[in-house]
C-alpha cells in the first residue's frame, strides 16, 4: 500500500516541476488552484492534504481537456454520493484503491467512469519492511540525474531539480448535505509491487483478498497526458496504463519517519543499516542518494519558502573528496545519526 509520502517543494517550484506541453505543443506550467492551502511536507499521511494534477476541464467545462491545473486535495476519497454530514463518518479506508477492484467498487467506479482521474505528486513514498526487531522504513522514488540539484533558477527557466514521482489517482468532489464548501479528495491506485521493491513489501493473498502493493506510477509525460485527458482518452484505454514499473530506486531511512508528527529532511535522509540487517542488493540500490540542508533548522511551522532546500547527488564511485558518508556527516552535523552507504551488488 501507499501510506506515507513526501512532497517538500515550495508551491512555485512544484508548479515549475510539472511543466508540460499542451495539445498544440506549447510549453506550459499548470495553474495553481487554491495554492494558499498547499503546505510542503516530508511526511504526509492519509487525511492530510497534498498536491494533485487534473485536467482543467473538470473545473471549467469549456476548457481544453489537455490543459492541467494543480490543486491541493485531501488524501482519502469521499464519494460524491456519501450522504452523511461528516466525511469522517465514512466507514472504510479509501486512501488506496486496488487496481484490480477499482472498476467494481462503488467508491471508485463512479468517479473513474466519469473521468475523474488525477496524478498525485510526491518526492517519493515510504514503505516498511517487516523484520524481527520491528519495521525498517525505505524511501522510494524516481532515479534522478546528476544535475538534479534543485537549483535556484529563476522564473520560467526549465526545471532541473528533483523529478517528482507521479502516481495515478482518482478524485471526487463531495458536497455537504446541508450545504457548504465542496470537499475535493483523492485516492492512490495501487498495483503489485515491482521486482526491485518486492522484498520490502509485496501483495499477499489471504483468504482470497489481496493486500495492496505499491502505487501505480505513471512514468513520463505521455502516460500522464493519457491519464489526465479524460475527454480524449476513454476509461478503457486509460486503465491500461495502470501497471507496475521497474523504473524506481530506493534507500533505507531512519525510523524517525515512523512518527507522522516528524516533518524535517531527516525523514528522507539515507541511513546505514547495521551488519545484522539483511538488505537484498538490487540494480536500483547500486545508486545511493545523499541529502543536504541549509544551516537553518527545519520546522513544519515555517513558511514554505523558508523550508530547507535539499539537493541530490548520486555517488557512482568512491571519492576521497566527497563520499556519501562525508556528505551525510555534513548534513547531519552533530545529530549523531549514521551516515548513508551505497549498496553494493
Foldseek 3Di string as FASTA:
>chain_A
DFFKFFAQAQLVLVQLLQWDAFPVRDIDTAAEDPSVQDFGFRIDGAQHKAKKKAACCVVPVPDQRLGIHIYIAGQFADAQPDADQDSVPPPDTQNEDELVCQCPDPSRNVQLQVLQKIKTKGLFTKFWAQDPVGTWIKTKHFDADQQQFQDPDDDNPRHSHRNIWIFIKGKHWYARPVGDDIHIYIHFYFYFEDPVCVNRPGWDADPNDTDGHGTFTQPDDVLNSLSRSCVVHGSVRNSVSRDYDPRMAMATADCCSVDSVDTACSRNAHADDDPVDDDDDDPRQQKDWHWAWDPDGADSPDDSVPGTDITTHIDNDDDPVDDQQVRNCNRCPPVPGHTHDRDDD
